[in-house]
Structures are given as structure tokens and as C-alpha cells.
Amino acid sequence: MKAEIFTFCDFAQESGGKLTIIGTFDTIVSKNFPCIHPQLSVVIRLRFDIWEFVNHTFRIETRDLNGELNMETISGNVDVKGVGNATAVSHLVFSISNLQFKSSGVVNFVLYMDDKELTSIPLYIRRG
């Protein structure tokens, strides 16, 4: 399995197997800290090979550079079913409201599949 897309955006939805992503970004700028970001979406597109067409567990953890968790872990299951192709995709779309940041820095969003780290992306928090 591999992650084809892992991004932050203003809005995302999945409908009928199609994924819509609007306003992708990797940086939040705030004049004051602590700050609260009203809403963002996390979007993941996973591709599975035919031998991976089973149920998989996932979790997303967020850690700052000190290793501290920034929000509750997101977790669940992905039941991968093929439609006659050698690969299949699954989309994970999450909206997160009122995400609080104590200071500027970097928060890493880490994706685990079946308890193994698959990939991660940074979210930069800057004073502006």
C-alpha cells in the first residue's frame, strides 16, 4: 500500500469514488499565540495492491518537535474491496475544527497503517 495523497486543505469531499480537494496548504500564520485555527481538512488517498484487499486499521497522530501530542488520535478501519482491477483506492477525509496551537513551530501528522508508520506530513505554524 502507498499514500498517493496526504494533504491539508480548506475543504474536501469524496463522492462516488471521486475526491474533491479545495485550497491545499502546509502553513498556518497567526499574529497571536496561542491561536485557534477554525477548520481544516485532512485528505488521504491510499492505493492498495490486489493482495492487500482486506480490512486495515489506521491511525493519525500529531506530534510537535518536542514529541508532544497536539490533538486526539484519529483512528479507524479501511475495508479494501477491489472492482476487478489489480489495485484499489480508498479515500480518508477528516474535518478538524478549532485546532489549538500554543506557539509557532511544526506539527507532524503521522499516518500509521496496521500499526506501521506509512508516511507523515508537516504543518508549519508561523507568526505573521
Protein backbone atom coordinates (compact mmCIF):
# COMPACT_ATOMS: atom_id res chain seq x y z
CA MET A 1 0.00 0.00 0.00
CA LYS A 2 1.08 3.56 -0.56
CA ALA A 3 -0.24 7.02 0.10
CA GLU A 4 -0.79 8.86 -3.18
CA ILE A 5 -2.15 12.00 -1.48
CA PHE A 6 -1.73 13.22 2.09
CA THR A 7 -2.53 16.93 2.44
CA PHE A 8 -4.25 19.68 4.41
CA CYS A 9 -6.92 21.79 2.74
CA ASP A 10 -9.79 24.18 3.31
CA PHE A 11 -12.45 21.76 2.06
CA ALA A 12 -12.62 18.17 0.80
CA GLN A 13 -15.25 15.60 -0.02
CA GLU A 14 -15.47 12.14 -1.51
CA SER A 15 -18.47 11.28 -3.65
CA GLY A 16 -18.92 8.24 -5.86
CA GLY A 17 -15.21 7.43 -5.74
CA LYS A 18 -14.20 10.96 -6.79
CA LEU A 19 -12.17 13.11 -4.46
CA THR A 20 -12.55 16.91 -4.42
CA ILE A 21 -9.83 18.95 -2.69
CA ILE A 22 -10.00 22.76 -2.41
CA GLY A 23 -7.30 25.05 -1.07
CA THR A 24 -4.41 22.75 -0.16
CA PHE A 25 -1.78 24.24 2.19
CA ASP A 26 1.01 23.37 4.64
CA THR A 27 1.32 26.59 6.68
CA ILE A 28 -0.92 28.43 9.13
CA VAL A 29 0.01 32.02 10.00
CA SER A 30 -1.18 33.73 13.19
CA LYS A 31 -0.36 37.09 14.79
CA ASN A 32 -1.07 35.86 18.33
CA PHE A 33 -0.37 32.69 20.30
CA PRO A 34 -1.93 30.55 21.49
CA CYS A 35 -4.15 30.52 18.42
CA ILE A 36 -7.09 28.50 17.22
CA HIS A 37 -7.47 27.51 13.57
CA PRO A 38 -11.23 27.34 12.93
CA GLN A 39 -11.27 24.41 10.48
CA LEU A 40 -9.09 22.36 8.22
CA SER A 41 -9.49 19.07 6.40
CA VAL A 42 -7.00 16.23 6.20
CA VAL A 43 -7.18 14.20 2.99
CA ILE A 44 -5.53 10.86 2.30
CA ARG A 45 -5.74 8.75 -0.86
CA LEU A 46 -4.39 5.23 -0.38
CA ARG A 47 -3.63 2.74 -3.14
CA PHE A 48 -3.69 -0.98 -2.36
CA ASP A 49 -2.40 -3.88 -4.46
CA ILE A 50 -4.66 -6.87 -5.03
CA TRP A 51 -3.09 -8.94 -2.22
CA GLU A 52 -3.93 -6.09 0.21
CA PHE A 53 -7.71 -6.26 -0.39
CA VAL A 54 -8.59 -6.87 3.27
CA ASN A 55 -9.53 -4.81 6.31
CA HIS A 56 -6.75 -2.48 7.54
CA THR A 57 -6.52 -0.37 10.68
CA PHE A 58 -5.25 3.19 10.54
CA ARG A 59 -4.43 5.99 12.93
CA ILE A 60 -3.19 9.55 12.58
CA GLU A 61 -1.12 11.05 15.38
CA THR A 62 0.05 14.65 15.60
CA ARG A 63 3.33 15.47 17.30
CA ASP A 64 5.27 18.68 17.68
CA LEU A 65 9.08 18.81 17.65
CA ASN A 66 9.14 18.01 21.39
CA GLY A 67 7.18 14.80 20.75
CA GLU A 68 4.02 16.09 22.43
CA LEU A 69 0.62 15.14 21.02
CA ASN A 70 -1.29 18.17 19.68
CA MET A 71 -4.73 16.63 19.31
CA GLU A 72 -6.57 13.37 19.87
CA THR A 73 -5.53 10.47 17.69
CA ILE A 74 -7.81 9.76 14.72
CA SER A 75 -8.29 6.04 14.16
CA GLY A 76 -10.48 3.59 12.30
CA ASN A 77 -10.64 0.84 9.71
CA VAL A 78 -10.46 0.71 5.94
CA ASP A 79 -12.13 -2.27 4.27
CA VAL A 80 -10.48 -2.53 0.85
CA LYS A 81 -12.51 -4.20 -1.89
CA GLY A 82 -11.46 -4.50 -5.50
CA VAL A 83 -13.68 -3.87 -8.53
CA GLY A 84 -11.89 -6.14 -10.99
CA ASN A 85 -8.66 -4.11 -11.15
CA ALA A 86 -5.20 -5.06 -9.90
CA THR A 87 -5.29 -2.13 -7.45
CA ALA A 88 -7.91 -0.27 -5.45
CA VAL A 89 -8.03 3.14 -3.79
CA SER A 90 -9.57 4.32 -0.55
CA HIS A 91 -10.10 7.93 0.49
CA LEU A 92 -9.96 9.20 4.06
CA VAL A 93 -11.32 12.71 4.62
CA PHE A 94 -11.43 14.33 8.06
CA SER A 95 -12.55 17.81 9.10
CA ILE A 96 -10.91 19.17 12.24
CA SER A 97 -12.44 22.18 13.99
CA ASN A 98 -10.87 24.58 16.49
CA LEU A 99 -7.36 23.15 16.38
CA GLN A 100 -5.28 24.96 19.01
CA PHE A 101 -1.59 25.79 18.73
CA LYS A 102 0.37 27.02 21.77
CA SER A 103 3.20 28.56 19.76
CA SER A 104 4.81 28.71 16.35
CA GLY A 105 6.64 25.61 15.13
CA VAL A 106 5.96 22.40 13.28
CA VAL A 107 3.31 19.75 13.91
CA ASN A 108 3.83 16.44 12.14
CA PHE A 109 0.79 14.41 11.15
CA VAL A 110 1.88 10.76 11.08
CA LEU A 111 -0.19 8.08 9.30
CA TYR A 112 0.04 4.53 10.64
CA MET A 113 -1.46 1.63 8.71
CA ASP A 114 -1.73 -1.71 10.53
CA ASP A 115 0.42 -0.22 13.34
CA LYS A 116 3.29 0.65 10.97
CA GLU A 117 4.24 4.20 10.05
CA LEU A 118 3.37 4.70 6.38
CA THR A 119 4.07 8.42 5.89
CA SER A 120 3.91 11.84 7.51
CA ILE A 121 3.42 15.48 6.56
CA PRO A 122 4.40 18.68 8.37
CA LEU A 123 2.04 21.51 9.25
CA TYR A 124 4.04 24.71 9.80
CA ILE A 125 2.71 27.22 12.32
CA ARG A 126 4.21 30.70 11.83
CA ARG A 127 3.91 34.07 13.48
CA GLY A 128 2.91 36.64 10.92
